[in-house]
């Protein structure tokens, strides 16, 4: 059974940084794509970034490109989202997700974490 546990959210000022972590367990994730999504109040959940676990190839939403970096640590079975130059519009609940897929994808994820709140104050 796949389990994903996010951590690292919090309150930060505009221009600040946060690093989110997603601890993954229950599978060997070498053939998985891992993604980060976010959902702001009153809005639909949206794709943020994804990584192909085995090769480390990445893909980003235009809104975060150049500011956010997704990475993974094979030894710790953990995926990270480094968020820099944060803006108030980045405020949302951030979710980690996993899909048994050997390429980077932006939709159709099968497993989800519980989410972690990120709040950026102006």
C-alpha atoms as a PDB file:
ATOM      1  CA  UNK A   1       0.000   0.000   0.000  1.00  0.00           C
ATOM      2  CA  UNK A   2       1.447   3.333  -1.090  1.00  0.00           C
ATOM      3  CA  UNK A   3       1.693   5.978   1.605  1.00  0.00           C
ATOM      4  CA  UNK A   4       2.702   9.563   1.010  1.00  0.00           C
ATOM      5  CA  UNK A   5       3.304  11.944   3.895  1.00  0.00           C
ATOM      6  CA  UNK A   6       3.976  15.627   3.245  1.00  0.00           C
ATOM      7  CA  UNK A   7       5.696  18.023   5.599  1.00  0.00           C
ATOM      8  CA  UNK A   8       7.390  21.386   5.548  1.00  0.00           C
ATOM      9  CA  UNK A   9       4.503  23.753   4.998  1.00  0.00           C
ATOM     10  CA  UNK A  10       4.075  26.948   6.953  1.00  0.00           C
ATOM     11  CA  UNK A  11       3.760  30.707   6.895  1.00  0.00           C
ATOM     12  CA  UNK A  12       6.323  32.744   4.975  1.00  0.00           C
ATOM     13  CA  UNK A  13       6.579  36.306   3.725  1.00  0.00           C
ATOM     14  CA  UNK A  14       6.554  37.289   0.083  1.00  0.00           C
ATOM     15  CA  UNK A  15       9.929  36.537  -1.465  1.00  0.00           C
ATOM     16  CA  UNK A  16      10.729  33.862   1.085  1.00  0.00           C
ATOM     17  CA  UNK A  17      11.442  30.157   0.656  1.00  0.00           C
ATOM     18  CA  UNK A  18      10.110  26.845   1.885  1.00  0.00           C
ATOM     19  CA  UNK A  19      11.035  23.247   1.198  1.00  0.00           C
ATOM     20  CA  UNK A  20       8.294  20.656   1.182  1.00  0.00           C
ATOM     21  CA  UNK A  21       9.043  16.974   1.718  1.00  0.00           C
ATOM     22  CA  UNK A  22       7.069  13.909   0.698  1.00  0.00           C
ATOM     23  CA  UNK A  23       8.066  10.667   2.392  1.00  0.00           C
ATOM     24  CA  UNK A  24       6.967   7.737   0.238  1.00  0.00           C
ATOM     25  CA  UNK A  25       6.569   4.129   1.369  1.00  0.00           C
ATOM     26  CA  UNK A  26       4.934   0.875   0.416  1.00  0.00           C
ATOM     27  CA  UNK A  27       6.489   0.398  -3.017  1.00  0.00           C
ATOM     28  CA  UNK A  28       9.706   0.507  -4.928  1.00  0.00           C
ATOM     29  CA  UNK A  29       9.236   3.818  -6.679  1.00  0.00           C
ATOM     30  CA  UNK A  30      11.782   3.455  -9.466  1.00  0.00           C
ATOM     31  CA  UNK A  31       8.964   3.027 -12.018  1.00  0.00           C
ATOM     32  CA  UNK A  32       6.824   5.836 -10.657  1.00  0.00           C
ATOM     33  CA  UNK A  33       6.218   9.444 -11.520  1.00  0.00           C
ATOM     34  CA  UNK A  34       5.899  11.725  -8.506  1.00  0.00           C
ATOM     35  CA  UNK A  35       4.057  14.993  -8.582  1.00  0.00           C
ATOM     36  CA  UNK A  36       3.234  18.042  -6.518  1.00  0.00           C
ATOM     37  CA  UNK A  37      -0.157  19.679  -6.821  1.00  0.00           C
ATOM     38  CA  UNK A  38      -1.819  22.551  -4.985  1.00  0.00           C
ATOM     39  CA  UNK A  39      -5.310  23.733  -4.230  1.00  0.00           C
ATOM     40  CA  UNK A  40      -6.157  27.265  -3.171  1.00  0.00           C
ATOM     41  CA  UNK A  41      -9.459  28.116  -1.453  1.00  0.00           C
ATOM     42  CA  UNK A  42     -12.297  28.167  -3.967  1.00  0.00           C
ATOM     43  CA  UNK A  43     -10.111  26.887  -6.788  1.00  0.00           C
ATOM     44  CA  UNK A  44      -9.525  23.547  -8.434  1.00  0.00           C
ATOM     45  CA  UNK A  45      -6.446  21.532  -7.672  1.00  0.00           C
ATOM     46  CA  UNK A  46      -3.661  22.315 -10.134  1.00  0.00           C
ATOM     47  CA  UNK A  47      -0.450  20.680 -11.231  1.00  0.00           C
ATOM     48  CA  UNK A  48       2.781  22.227  -9.930  1.00  0.00           C
ATOM     49  CA  UNK A  49       5.698  19.930 -10.755  1.00  0.00           C
ATOM     50  CA  UNK A  50       6.575  16.309 -11.466  1.00  0.00           C
ATOM     51  CA  UNK A  51       9.632  14.087 -11.535  1.00  0.00           C
ATOM     52  CA  UNK A  52      10.386  10.712 -13.010  1.00  0.00           C
ATOM     53  CA  UNK A  53      11.827   8.814 -10.103  1.00  0.00           C
ATOM     54  CA  UNK A  54      14.268   6.631 -12.013  1.00  0.00           C
ATOM     55  CA  UNK A  55      15.903   9.225 -14.278  1.00  0.00           C
ATOM     56  CA  UNK A  56      15.094  12.417 -12.431  1.00  0.00           C
ATOM     57  CA  UNK A  57      13.566  14.159 -15.432  1.00  0.00           C
ATOM     58  CA  UNK A  58      11.277  16.992 -14.372  1.00  0.00           C
ATOM     59  CA  UNK A  59       8.390  19.100 -15.593  1.00  0.00           C
ATOM     60  CA  UNK A  60       6.917  22.307 -14.183  1.00  0.00           C
ATOM     61  CA  UNK A  61       3.827  24.418 -14.494  1.00  0.00           C
ATOM     62  CA  UNK A  62       4.575  27.758 -16.132  1.00  0.00           C
ATOM     63  CA  UNK A  63       3.484  29.596 -12.993  1.00  0.00           C
ATOM     64  CA  UNK A  64       6.346  28.124 -10.936  1.00  0.00           C
ATOM     65  CA  UNK A  65       9.046  27.585 -13.530  1.00  0.00           C
ATOM     66  CA  UNK A  66      12.302  29.168 -12.430  1.00  0.00           C
ATOM     67  CA  UNK A  67      11.133  29.507  -8.819  1.00  0.00           C
ATOM     68  CA  UNK A  68      10.352  25.933  -7.742  1.00  0.00           C
ATOM     69  CA  UNK A  69      12.563  22.853  -7.982  1.00  0.00           C
ATOM     70  CA  UNK A  70      11.428  19.254  -7.597  1.00  0.00           C
ATOM     71  CA  UNK A  71      13.958  16.609  -6.635  1.00  0.00           C
ATOM     72  CA  UNK A  72      14.167  13.184  -5.020  1.00  0.00           C
ATOM     73  CA  UNK A  73      16.444  11.345  -2.635  1.00  0.00           C
ATOM     74  CA  UNK A  74      16.539   7.664  -3.494  1.00  0.00           C
ATOM     75  CA  UNK A  75      18.112   6.621  -0.199  1.00  0.00           C
ATOM     76  CA  UNK A  76      15.403   8.360   1.821  1.00  0.00           C
ATOM     77  CA  UNK A  77      12.527   7.566  -0.550  1.00  0.00           C
ATOM     78  CA  UNK A  78      11.621  11.231  -0.350  1.00  0.00           C
ATOM     79  CA  UNK A  79      10.574  13.816  -2.917  1.00  0.00           C
ATOM     80  CA  UNK A  80      11.171  17.501  -2.300  1.00  0.00           C
ATOM     81  CA  UNK A  81       9.733  20.732  -3.592  1.00  0.00           C
ATOM     82  CA  UNK A  82      12.035  23.680  -3.042  1.00  0.00           C
ATOM     83  CA  UNK A  83      10.007  26.866  -3.358  1.00  0.00           C
ATOM     84  CA  UNK A  84      11.811  30.190  -3.746  1.00  0.00           C
ATOM     85  CA  UNK A  85      10.618  33.724  -4.422  1.00  0.00           C
ATOM     86  CA  UNK A  86       7.225  32.862  -3.017  1.00  0.00           C
ATOM     87  CA  UNK A  87       4.222  35.014  -3.879  1.00  0.00           C
ATOM     88  CA  UNK A  88       0.839  35.408  -2.172  1.00  0.00           C
ATOM     89  CA  UNK A  89      -0.736  33.551  -5.102  1.00  0.00           C
ATOM     90  CA  UNK A  90       1.303  30.476  -4.136  1.00  0.00           C
ATOM     91  CA  UNK A  91      -0.839  30.165  -1.007  1.00  0.00           C
ATOM     92  CA  UNK A  92      -2.544  26.766  -1.104  1.00  0.00           C
ATOM     93  CA  UNK A  93      -2.622  23.276   0.306  1.00  0.00           C
ATOM     94  CA  UNK A  94       0.155  21.357  -1.405  1.00  0.00           C
ATOM     95  CA  UNK A  95      -0.260  17.664  -2.156  1.00  0.00           C
ATOM     96  CA  UNK A  96       2.227  14.993  -3.093  1.00  0.00           C
ATOM     97  CA  UNK A  97       1.058  12.339  -5.540  1.00  0.00           C
ATOM     98  CA  UNK A  98       2.352   9.161  -7.163  1.00  0.00           C
ATOM     99  CA  UNK A  99       1.544   7.298 -10.354  1.00  0.00           C
ATOM    100  CA  UNK A 100       2.882   4.008 -11.603  1.00  0.00           C
ATOM    101  CA  UNK A 101       4.162   5.457 -14.851  1.00  0.00           C
ATOM    102  CA  UNK A 102       7.677   5.581 -16.237  1.00  0.00           C
ATOM    103  CA  UNK A 103       7.274   9.013 -17.785  1.00  0.00           C
ATOM    104  CA  UNK A 104       6.513  12.403 -16.297  1.00  0.00           C
ATOM    105  CA  UNK A 105       2.791  13.152 -16.331  1.00  0.00           C
ATOM    106  CA  UNK A 106       0.597  16.004 -15.116  1.00  0.00           C
ATOM    107  CA  UNK A 107      -2.683  14.145 -14.602  1.00  0.00           C
ATOM    108  CA  UNK A 108      -4.116  10.784 -13.581  1.00  0.00           C
ATOM    109  CA  UNK A 109      -2.216  10.263 -10.356  1.00  0.00           C
ATOM    110  CA  UNK A 110      -3.328   7.290  -8.283  1.00  0.00           C
ATOM    111  CA  UNK A 111      -2.007   7.965  -4.797  1.00  0.00           C
ATOM    112  CA  UNK A 112      -2.199  11.156  -2.751  1.00  0.00           C
ATOM    113  CA  UNK A 113      -0.896  12.491   0.509  1.00  0.00           C
ATOM    114  CA  UNK A 114      -2.932  14.410   3.046  1.00  0.00           C
ATOM    115  CA  UNK A 115      -1.553  17.817   2.069  1.00  0.00           C
ATOM    116  CA  UNK A 116       0.404  20.549   3.801  1.00  0.00           C
ATOM    117  CA  UNK A 117      -0.615  24.206   4.044  1.00  0.00           C
ATOM    118  CA  UNK A 118       1.582  26.905   2.566  1.00  0.00           C
ATOM    119  CA  UNK A 119       0.640  30.510   3.307  1.00  0.00           C
ATOM    120  CA  UNK A 120       2.523  33.433   1.783  1.00  0.00           C
ATOM    121  CA  UNK A 121       1.830  36.788   3.402  1.00  0.00           C
ATOM    122  CA  UNK A 122       2.088  40.048   1.482  1.00  0.00           C
END
